[in-house]
Amino acid sequence: MSADSTGQNEHYTRVLRQRFRAWRGSRPFWAGLLTALGGAPIAYFPYANLKIGHLTLAMATTAGAGSLIIGVLLITLGLTMWFHQIVRVFAGVASILLALVSIPVSNLGGFLIGFLLAMIGGCLALSWAPGTPVAEQPAQPGAGAGPKDPAGPDGALPDGSDPQHGAAGTYSPGPAPWNDDSTNGKVDAGGGRNSAG
């Protein structure tokens, strides 16, 4: 194997990329990622210390443990959206509720960064629906060539009409229900479920 032949490595990375794309498409990937990323600042900021020269600025809140719990739960919910997509609705609702609770508990929800990420991730989880696989259509013989005769093999036009009995084959759904003269404009309301008598 020479240094110039990278065909095997390109194939390997292409297969990995296609597998990851298929895995990502079968679950609420972005919802889980944003929810997990939203949990990180919510859990981190109450315990972070910012040092400016000799000055230490602590951003701790009185509910530091609550911030840690909310952040860890959001990260767990994000991973749950990835690996157990069947509970995505529960995880989405729980993510939205935890993001809202993080506003008063955890420095405005991780300085609004974690709040917004978790809120968007929860909304994406609620709106995600699994796709249905598209069935492949069998190839029809002569599909590339245009038909010379607009009538099919049984003599019917593509719209379903018979060229011998009508040109356009117009569709009539029948009489409109509001033009029905069977009641002659009188409505009998006696004895019905919602009647007063």
C-alpha atoms as a PDB file:
ATOM      1  CA  MET A   1       0.000   0.000   0.000  1.00  0.00           C
ATOM      2  CA  SER A   2       1.516   3.288  -1.046  1.00  0.00           C
ATOM      3  CA  ALA A   3       1.129   6.697   0.489  1.00  0.00           C
ATOM      4  CA  ASP A   4      -0.855   7.857  -2.529  1.00  0.00           C
ATOM      5  CA  SER A   5      -3.647   5.278  -2.264  1.00  0.00           C
ATOM      6  CA  THR A   6      -6.233   6.631   0.151  1.00  0.00           C
ATOM      7  CA  GLY A   7      -9.198   4.860  -1.434  1.00  0.00           C
ATOM      8  CA  GLN A   8      -9.690   2.457   1.445  1.00  0.00           C
ATOM      9  CA  ASN A   9      -9.612   5.251   4.025  1.00  0.00           C
ATOM     10  CA  GLU A  10     -12.019   7.370   1.990  1.00  0.00           C
ATOM     11  CA  HIS A  11     -14.420   4.460   1.777  1.00  0.00           C
ATOM     12  CA  TYR A  12     -14.181   3.869   5.530  1.00  0.00           C
ATOM     13  CA  THR A  13     -14.886   7.518   6.377  1.00  0.00           C
ATOM     14  CA  ARG A  14     -17.699   7.665   3.816  1.00  0.00           C
ATOM     15  CA  VAL A  15     -19.348   4.600   5.357  1.00  0.00           C
ATOM     16  CA  LEU A  16     -18.982   6.046   8.856  1.00  0.00           C
ATOM     17  CA  ARG A  17     -20.454   9.353   7.734  1.00  0.00           C
ATOM     18  CA  GLN A  18     -23.411   7.612   6.057  1.00  0.00           C
ATOM     19  CA  ARG A  19     -24.042   5.456   9.134  1.00  0.00           C
ATOM     20  CA  PHE A  20     -23.950   8.515  11.373  1.00  0.00           C
ATOM     21  CA  ARG A  21     -26.334  10.348   9.034  1.00  0.00           C
ATOM     22  CA  ALA A  22     -28.760   7.393   9.121  1.00  0.00           C
ATOM     23  CA  TRP A  23     -28.475   7.169  12.935  1.00  0.00           C
ATOM     24  CA  ARG A  24     -29.000  10.916  13.272  1.00  0.00           C
ATOM     25  CA  GLY A  25     -32.036  10.853  11.002  1.00  0.00           C
ATOM     26  CA  SER A  26     -33.810   8.147  12.988  1.00  0.00           C
ATOM     27  CA  ARG A  27     -33.997  10.121  16.243  1.00  0.00           C
ATOM     28  CA  PRO A  28     -34.399  13.712  17.486  1.00  0.00           C
ATOM     29  CA  PHE A  29     -30.663  14.372  17.250  1.00  0.00           C
ATOM     30  CA  TRP A  30     -30.645  18.180  17.365  1.00  0.00           C
ATOM     31  CA  ALA A  31     -33.193  18.228  20.173  1.00  0.00           C
ATOM     32  CA  GLY A  32     -31.000  15.971  22.295  1.00  0.00           C
ATOM     33  CA  LEU A  33     -27.856  17.905  21.477  1.00  0.00           C
ATOM     34  CA  LEU A  34     -29.341  21.305  22.321  1.00  0.00           C
ATOM     35  CA  THR A  35     -30.924  19.979  25.521  1.00  0.00           C
ATOM     36  CA  ALA A  36     -27.650  18.433  26.700  1.00  0.00           C
ATOM     37  CA  LEU A  37     -25.717  21.587  25.792  1.00  0.00           C
ATOM     38  CA  GLY A  38     -28.315  23.635  27.654  1.00  0.00           C
ATOM     39  CA  GLY A  39     -27.746  21.633  30.820  1.00  0.00           C
ATOM     40  CA  ALA A  40     -24.003  22.337  30.872  1.00  0.00           C
ATOM     41  CA  PRO A  41     -24.086  26.109  31.601  1.00  0.00           C
ATOM     42  CA  ILE A  42     -26.949  25.689  34.050  1.00  0.00           C
ATOM     43  CA  ALA A  43     -24.888  23.213  36.076  1.00  0.00           C
ATOM     44  CA  TYR A  44     -21.544  24.994  35.610  1.00  0.00           C
ATOM     45  CA  PHE A  45     -22.130  28.692  36.302  1.00  0.00           C
ATOM     46  CA  PRO A  46     -23.226  28.452  39.958  1.00  0.00           C
ATOM     47  CA  TYR A  47     -19.958  26.680  40.771  1.00  0.00           C
ATOM     48  CA  ALA A  48     -17.642  28.770  38.582  1.00  0.00           C
ATOM     49  CA  ASN A  49     -15.197  31.308  39.971  1.00  0.00           C
ATOM     50  CA  LEU A  50     -13.968  34.113  37.741  1.00  0.00           C
ATOM     51  CA  LYS A  51     -10.531  35.446  38.670  1.00  0.00           C
ATOM     52  CA  ILE A  52      -9.639  38.961  37.617  1.00  0.00           C
ATOM     53  CA  GLY A  53      -6.156  39.675  38.934  1.00  0.00           C
ATOM     54  CA  HIS A  54      -6.380  39.169  42.688  1.00  0.00           C
ATOM     55  CA  LEU A  55     -10.148  39.514  42.710  1.00  0.00           C
ATOM     56  CA  THR A  56     -12.240  36.358  42.711  1.00  0.00           C
ATOM     57  CA  LEU A  57     -15.815  36.690  41.555  1.00  0.00           C
ATOM     58  CA  ALA A  58     -18.054  33.814  42.635  1.00  0.00           C
ATOM     59  CA  MET A  59     -21.348  33.393  40.812  1.00  0.00           C
ATOM     60  CA  ALA A  60     -22.753  30.959  43.370  1.00  0.00           C
ATOM     61  CA  THR A  61     -26.415  31.016  44.227  1.00  0.00           C
ATOM     62  CA  THR A  62     -28.205  29.835  47.317  1.00  0.00           C
ATOM     63  CA  ALA A  63     -29.623  26.948  45.271  1.00  0.00           C
ATOM     64  CA  GLY A  64     -26.335  25.602  43.907  1.00  0.00           C
ATOM     65  CA  ALA A  65     -27.400  22.009  44.413  1.00  0.00           C
ATOM     66  CA  GLY A  66     -30.654  22.711  42.573  1.00  0.00           C
ATOM     67  CA  SER A  67     -28.694  24.099  39.634  1.00  0.00           C
ATOM     68  CA  LEU A  68     -26.522  21.009  39.552  1.00  0.00           C
ATOM     69  CA  ILE A  69     -29.555  18.722  39.621  1.00  0.00           C
ATOM     70  CA  ILE A  70     -31.318  20.670  36.852  1.00  0.00           C
ATOM     71  CA  GLY A  71     -28.188  20.653  34.689  1.00  0.00           C
ATOM     72  CA  VAL A  72     -27.565  16.929  35.145  1.00  0.00           C
ATOM     73  CA  LEU A  73     -31.217  16.142  34.446  1.00  0.00           C
ATOM     74  CA  LEU A  74     -31.126  18.183  31.226  1.00  0.00           C
ATOM     75  CA  ILE A  75     -27.986  16.371  30.081  1.00  0.00           C
ATOM     76  CA  THR A  76     -29.647  13.046  30.904  1.00  0.00           C
ATOM     77  CA  LEU A  77     -32.797  14.027  29.030  1.00  0.00           C
ATOM     78  CA  GLY A  78     -30.715  15.017  26.013  1.00  0.00           C
ATOM     79  CA  LEU A  79     -29.056  11.595  25.977  1.00  0.00           C
ATOM     80  CA  THR A  80     -32.450   9.956  26.473  1.00  0.00           C
ATOM     81  CA  MET A  81     -33.724  11.700  23.351  1.00  0.00           C
ATOM     82  CA  TRP A  82     -30.864  10.135  21.433  1.00  0.00           C
ATOM     83  CA  PHE A  83     -30.996   6.575  22.699  1.00  0.00           C
ATOM     84  CA  HIS A  84     -34.687   6.123  23.632  1.00  0.00           C
ATOM     85  CA  GLN A  85     -36.547   8.250  21.110  1.00  0.00           C
ATOM     86  CA  ILE A  86     -39.849   6.625  22.060  1.00  0.00           C
ATOM     87  CA  VAL A  87     -39.993   8.837  25.194  1.00  0.00           C
ATOM     88  CA  ARG A  88     -39.240  12.023  23.270  1.00  0.00           C
ATOM     89  CA  VAL A  89     -42.529  13.686  24.255  1.00  0.00           C
ATOM     90  CA  PHE A  90     -41.882  13.161  27.958  1.00  0.00           C
ATOM     91  CA  ALA A  91     -38.273  14.279  27.572  1.00  0.00           C
ATOM     92  CA  GLY A  92     -39.346  17.380  25.635  1.00  0.00           C
ATOM     93  CA  VAL A  93     -41.932  18.421  28.213  1.00  0.00           C
ATOM     94  CA  ALA A  94     -39.516  17.735  31.077  1.00  0.00           C
ATOM     95  CA  SER A  95     -36.796  19.762  29.314  1.00  0.00           C
ATOM     96  CA  ILE A  96     -39.115  22.735  28.878  1.00  0.00           C
ATOM     97  CA  LEU A  97     -40.213  22.586  32.521  1.00  0.00           C
ATOM     98  CA  LEU A  98     -36.645  22.264  33.811  1.00  0.00           C
ATOM     99  CA  ALA A  99     -35.556  25.165  31.600  1.00  0.00           C
ATOM    100  CA  LEU A 100     -38.319  27.316  33.062  1.00  0.00           C
ATOM    101  CA  VAL A 101     -37.427  26.289  36.626  1.00  0.00           C
ATOM    102  CA  SER A 102     -33.775  27.123  35.957  1.00  0.00           C
ATOM    103  CA  ILE A 103     -34.583  30.833  35.532  1.00  0.00           C
ATOM    104  CA  PRO A 104     -35.117  31.572  39.242  1.00  0.00           C
ATOM    105  CA  VAL A 105     -32.887  28.767  40.526  1.00  0.00           C
ATOM    106  CA  SER A 106     -29.733  29.002  38.434  1.00  0.00           C
ATOM    107  CA  ASN A 107     -28.561  32.540  37.565  1.00  0.00           C
ATOM    108  CA  LEU A 108     -31.327  33.208  35.036  1.00  0.00           C
ATOM    109  CA  GLY A 109     -30.956  29.742  33.569  1.00  0.00           C
ATOM    110  CA  GLY A 110     -27.205  29.866  33.047  1.00  0.00           C
ATOM    111  CA  PHE A 111     -27.295  33.524  31.971  1.00  0.00           C
ATOM    112  CA  LEU A 112     -30.075  32.692  29.489  1.00  0.00           C
ATOM    113  CA  ILE A 113     -27.683  30.527  27.450  1.00  0.00           C
ATOM    114  CA  GLY A 114     -28.698  27.242  29.047  1.00  0.00           C
ATOM    115  CA  PHE A 115     -32.326  28.315  29.293  1.00  0.00           C
ATOM    116  CA  LEU A 116     -32.614  29.075  25.567  1.00  0.00           C
ATOM    117  CA  LEU A 117     -30.751  25.934  24.487  1.00  0.00           C
ATOM    118  CA  ALA A 118     -32.853  23.680  26.726  1.00  0.00           C
ATOM    119  CA  MET A 119     -36.083  25.394  25.709  1.00  0.00           C
ATOM    120  CA  ILE A 120     -35.347  25.065  21.980  1.00  0.00           C
ATOM    121  CA  GLY A 121     -34.222  21.451  22.474  1.00  0.00           C
ATOM    122  CA  GLY A 122     -37.437  20.589  24.318  1.00  0.00           C
ATOM    123  CA  CYS A 123     -39.563  22.205  21.615  1.00  0.00           C
ATOM    124  CA  LEU A 124     -37.666  20.324  18.911  1.00  0.00           C
ATOM    125  CA  ALA A 125     -38.214  17.057  20.783  1.00  0.00           C
ATOM    126  CA  LEU A 126     -41.947  17.702  20.939  1.00  0.00           C
ATOM    127  CA  SER A 127     -42.165  18.546  17.254  1.00  0.00           C
ATOM    128  CA  TRP A 128     -40.020  15.655  15.969  1.00  0.00           C
ATOM    129  CA  ALA A 129     -41.820  12.716  14.398  1.00  0.00           C
ATOM    130  CA  PRO A 130     -40.228   9.587  12.987  1.00  0.00           C
ATOM    131  CA  GLY A 131     -40.187   9.449   9.233  1.00  0.00           C
ATOM    132  CA  THR A 132     -41.747   6.696   7.201  1.00  0.00           C
ATOM    133  CA  PRO A 133     -39.506   4.917   4.738  1.00  0.00           C
ATOM    134  CA  VAL A 134     -40.326   5.600   1.122  1.00  0.00           C
ATOM    135  CA  ALA A 135     -41.138   2.478  -0.834  1.00  0.00           C
ATOM    136  CA  GLU A 136     -39.256   2.195  -4.070  1.00  0.00           C
ATOM    137  CA  GLN A 137     -41.399   2.238  -7.203  1.00  0.00           C
ATOM    138  CA  PRO A 138     -40.704  -0.628  -9.609  1.00  0.00           C
ATOM    139  CA  ALA A 139     -39.296   0.525 -12.921  1.00  0.00           C
ATOM    140  CA  GLN A 140     -41.869   0.401 -15.705  1.00  0.00           C
ATOM    141  CA  PRO A 141     -40.734  -0.818 -19.094  1.00  0.00           C
ATOM    142  CA  GLY A 142     -40.319   2.012 -21.534  1.00  0.00           C
ATOM    143  CA  ALA A 143     -40.649   4.687 -18.857  1.00  0.00           C
ATOM    144  CA  GLY A 144     -38.041   6.849 -20.590  1.00  0.00           C
ATOM    145  CA  ALA A 145     -39.906   7.049 -23.884  1.00  0.00           C
ATOM    146  CA  GLY A 146     -42.995   9.214 -24.239  1.00  0.00           C
ATOM    147  CA  PRO A 147     -46.256   7.507 -25.232  1.00  0.00           C
ATOM    148  CA  LYS A 148     -47.231   7.813 -28.858  1.00  0.00           C
ATOM    149  CA  ASP A 149     -50.914   7.141 -28.159  1.00  0.00           C
ATOM    150  CA  PRO A 150     -52.480   9.020 -25.202  1.00  0.00           C
ATOM    151  CA  ALA A 151     -54.817   6.104 -24.575  1.00  0.00           C
ATOM    152  CA  GLY A 152     -53.494   3.244 -22.502  1.00  0.00           C
ATOM    153  CA  PRO A 153     -53.474  -0.421 -23.476  1.00  0.00           C
ATOM    154  CA  ASP A 154     -57.171  -0.856 -22.604  1.00  0.00           C
ATOM    155  CA  GLY A 155     -58.220   2.247 -24.578  1.00  0.00           C
ATOM    156  CA  ALA A 156     -58.855   4.515 -21.538  1.00  0.00           C
ATOM    157  CA  LEU A 157     -57.261   7.931 -21.239  1.00  0.00           C
ATOM    158  CA  PRO A 158     -54.906   8.630 -18.278  1.00  0.00           C
ATOM    159  CA  ASP A 159     -57.676  10.562 -16.461  1.00  0.00           C
ATOM    160  CA  GLY A 160     -59.874   7.451 -16.417  1.00  0.00           C
ATOM    161  CA  SER A 161     -62.383   8.519 -19.069  1.00  0.00           C
ATOM    162  CA  ASP A 162     -63.251   6.500 -22.091  1.00  0.00           C
ATOM    163  CA  PRO A 163     -62.498   8.387 -25.333  1.00  0.00           C
ATOM    164  CA  GLN A 164     -65.570   6.857 -27.012  1.00  0.00           C
ATOM    165  CA  HIS A 165     -68.096   8.004 -24.404  1.00  0.00           C
ATOM    166  CA  GLY A 166     -66.867  11.437 -23.359  1.00  0.00           C
ATOM    167  CA  ALA A 167     -64.029  13.800 -24.110  1.00  0.00           C
ATOM    168  CA  ALA A 168     -62.967  15.070 -20.731  1.00  0.00           C
ATOM    169  CA  GLY A 169     -64.655  12.680 -18.325  1.00  0.00           C
ATOM    170  CA  THR A 170     -65.807  15.389 -15.908  1.00  0.00           C
ATOM    171  CA  TYR A 171     -66.389  14.443 -12.288  1.00  0.00           C
ATOM    172  CA  SER A 172     -69.675  15.196 -10.556  1.00  0.00           C
ATOM    173  CA  PRO A 173     -69.831  14.615  -6.806  1.00  0.00           C
ATOM    174  CA  GLY A 174     -73.642  14.649  -6.832  1.00  0.00           C
ATOM    175  CA  PRO A 175     -76.079  17.159  -5.364  1.00  0.00           C
ATOM    176  CA  ALA A 176     -74.808  19.485  -2.663  1.00  0.00           C
ATOM    177  CA  PRO A 177     -76.160  18.691   0.827  1.00  0.00           C
ATOM    178  CA  TRP A 178     -77.464  22.238   1.294  1.00  0.00           C
ATOM    179  CA  ASN A 179     -79.576  21.918  -1.856  1.00  0.00           C
ATOM    180  CA  ASP A 180     -81.348  18.793  -0.630  1.00  0.00           C
ATOM    181  CA  ASP A 181     -85.124  19.278  -0.895  1.00  0.00           C
ATOM    182  CA  SER A 182     -86.006  16.155   1.074  1.00  0.00           C
ATOM    183  CA  THR A 183     -87.007  18.140   4.181  1.00  0.00           C
ATOM    184  CA  ASN A 184     -88.649  21.028   2.278  1.00  0.00           C
ATOM    185  CA  GLY A 185     -86.913  23.503   4.552  1.00  0.00           C
ATOM    186  CA  LYS A 186     -88.415  22.009   7.737  1.00  0.00           C
ATOM    187  CA  VAL A 187     -86.254  20.540  10.475  1.00  0.00           C
ATOM    188  CA  ASP A 188     -87.678  18.039  12.956  1.00  0.00           C
ATOM    189  CA  ALA A 189     -85.951  18.555  16.288  1.00  0.00           C
ATOM    190  CA  GLY A 190     -88.369  16.582  18.422  1.00  0.00           C
ATOM    191  CA  GLY A 191     -87.044  13.595  20.295  1.00  0.00           C
ATOM    192  CA  GLY A 192     -83.407  14.186  19.560  1.00  0.00           C
ATOM    193  CA  ARG A 193     -80.629  13.931  22.122  1.00  0.00           C
ATOM    194  CA  ASN A 194     -80.252  17.689  22.403  1.00  0.00           C
ATOM    195  CA  SER A 195     -83.924  18.524  22.248  1.00  0.00           C
ATOM    196  CA  ALA A 196     -85.606  20.399  25.052  1.00  0.00           C
ATOM    197  CA  GLY A 197     -88.755  18.294  24.993  1.00  0.00           C
END
